[in-house]
Amino acid sequence: MPHEILIEKPYRGRNSNVLANLSKYIAVAELCAYLTLDLELDESWFLDPRSIKKALKVQRGKDYDDNKKIMVNRINELFGLKLKYSKKKSKKLSDDDIADSIAVLVAFWDREE
């Protein structure tokens, strides 16, 4: 049974609609964690995107797509994976969300050491 739920903090500068939607998903995750696991989310489980990049030693890209590509490549390099990022393609064809999830966990472990 999970004891912690890790969440990347939404980036406030990109698009206010995206921030609003991500906040709704976080609220749903919080409610589900409480109702099914009797677990209240702790502030320390929210990781700032900058701290994730720092922990993984990746530079900021020139734009959103470049950032996604850089993170997918870094996760592939660290773990010998073959994740892919396809600009402007369906999430079915792009593994950037998987790479981001792995990056959040790696950053959390890095912070715990």
Protein backbone atom coordinates (compact mmCIF):
# COMPACT_ATOMS: atom_id res chain seq x y z
CA MET A 1 0.00 0.00 0.00
CA PRO A 2 1.45 3.42 -0.90
CA HIS A 3 2.69 5.63 1.90
CA GLU A 4 3.52 8.60 -0.32
CA ILE A 5 2.12 10.08 -3.50
CA LEU A 6 4.49 12.23 -5.52
CA ILE A 7 3.22 15.09 -7.66
CA GLU A 8 5.07 17.55 -9.85
CA LYS A 9 3.92 21.04 -8.96
CA PRO A 10 2.11 22.69 -11.86
CA TYR A 11 4.15 25.32 -13.64
CA ARG A 12 2.36 28.65 -13.19
CA GLY A 13 3.78 30.57 -16.12
CA ARG A 14 2.81 28.54 -19.14
CA ASN A 15 -0.97 28.70 -19.47
CA SER A 16 -3.61 29.54 -16.88
CA ASN A 17 -6.07 27.01 -18.34
CA VAL A 18 -3.52 24.23 -17.99
CA LEU A 19 -2.83 25.27 -14.39
CA ALA A 20 -6.56 25.22 -13.59
CA ASN A 21 -7.00 21.75 -15.12
CA LEU A 22 -3.94 20.31 -13.40
CA SER A 23 -5.19 21.69 -10.09
CA LYS A 24 -8.43 19.77 -10.60
CA TYR A 25 -6.51 16.54 -11.21
CA ILE A 26 -4.46 17.14 -8.07
CA ALA A 27 -7.67 17.64 -6.10
CA VAL A 28 -9.02 14.34 -7.45
CA ALA A 29 -5.76 12.56 -6.55
CA GLU A 30 -5.93 14.06 -3.07
CA LEU A 31 -9.54 12.93 -2.59
CA CYS A 32 -8.81 9.41 -3.88
CA ALA A 33 -5.77 9.09 -1.62
CA TYR A 34 -7.83 10.11 1.37
CA LEU A 35 -10.87 7.95 0.59
CA THR A 36 -9.03 4.79 -0.47
CA LEU A 37 -5.80 4.94 1.54
CA ASP A 38 -6.74 7.23 4.44
CA LEU A 39 -3.74 9.29 3.32
CA GLU A 40 -3.50 13.06 3.37
CA LEU A 41 -1.08 14.54 0.87
CA ASP A 42 1.96 16.13 2.45
CA GLU A 43 3.45 19.31 1.01
CA SER A 44 6.85 17.59 0.80
CA TRP A 45 5.41 15.19 -1.81
CA PHE A 46 4.98 18.07 -4.29
CA LEU A 47 8.16 18.64 -6.28
CA ASP A 48 9.01 21.83 -8.10
CA PRO A 49 9.91 21.32 -11.79
CA ARG A 50 13.18 23.21 -11.29
CA SER A 51 14.25 20.86 -8.50
CA ILE A 52 13.50 17.90 -10.75
CA LYS A 53 15.69 19.29 -13.54
CA LYS A 54 18.44 20.05 -11.02
CA ALA A 55 18.36 16.55 -9.53
CA LEU A 56 18.59 15.00 -12.99
CA LYS A 57 21.27 17.47 -14.10
CA VAL A 58 19.39 18.62 -17.17
CA GLN A 59 19.50 22.09 -18.63
CA ARG A 60 16.38 24.02 -19.46
CA GLY A 61 15.46 23.69 -23.12
CA LYS A 62 14.63 26.51 -25.50
CA ASP A 63 10.90 25.71 -25.43
CA TYR A 64 8.30 23.24 -24.15
CA ASP A 65 9.03 20.58 -26.76
CA ASP A 66 12.76 20.85 -26.24
CA ASN A 67 12.28 20.41 -22.47
CA LYS A 68 10.24 17.26 -23.08
CA LYS A 69 12.83 15.83 -25.47
CA ILE A 70 15.69 16.58 -23.08
CA MET A 71 13.96 14.83 -20.16
CA VAL A 72 13.03 11.75 -22.22
CA ASN A 73 16.64 11.48 -23.42
CA ARG A 74 18.01 11.86 -19.88
CA ILE A 75 15.73 9.14 -18.48
CA ASN A 76 16.70 6.86 -21.37
CA GLU A 77 20.37 7.53 -20.65
CA LEU A 78 20.05 6.86 -16.90
CA PHE A 79 17.96 3.70 -17.10
CA GLY A 80 18.76 2.23 -20.52
CA LEU A 81 15.19 2.76 -21.71
CA LYS A 82 13.89 3.47 -25.18
CA LEU A 83 11.23 6.04 -24.38
CA LYS A 84 10.35 8.37 -27.23
CA TYR A 85 9.06 11.87 -27.62
CA SER A 86 7.15 12.86 -30.71
CA LYS A 87 6.41 16.54 -31.04
CA LYS A 88 2.73 17.27 -31.68
CA LYS A 89 1.75 13.60 -31.70
CA SER A 90 -0.74 11.67 -29.64
CA LYS A 91 0.21 10.60 -26.11
CA LYS A 92 -0.18 7.07 -27.46
CA LEU A 93 2.97 7.70 -29.53
CA SER A 94 4.93 9.72 -26.99
CA ASP A 95 6.40 8.58 -23.68
CA ASP A 96 7.12 11.98 -22.14
CA ASP A 97 4.61 11.45 -19.30
CA ILE A 98 6.38 8.22 -18.36
CA ALA A 99 9.74 10.01 -18.40
CA ASP A 100 8.32 12.83 -16.27
CA SER A 101 6.98 10.33 -13.72
CA ILE A 102 10.33 8.59 -13.46
CA ALA A 103 12.04 11.98 -13.13
CA VAL A 104 9.77 12.96 -10.22
CA LEU A 105 10.68 9.76 -8.39
CA VAL A 106 14.41 10.18 -9.04
CA ALA A 107 14.26 13.77 -7.76
CA PHE A 108 12.37 12.65 -4.67
CA TRP A 109 14.98 9.97 -3.95
CA ASP A 110 17.74 12.53 -4.51
CA ARG A 111 16.12 14.85 -1.98
CA GLU A 112 15.77 12.03 0.57
CA GLU A 113 19.50 11.21 0.54
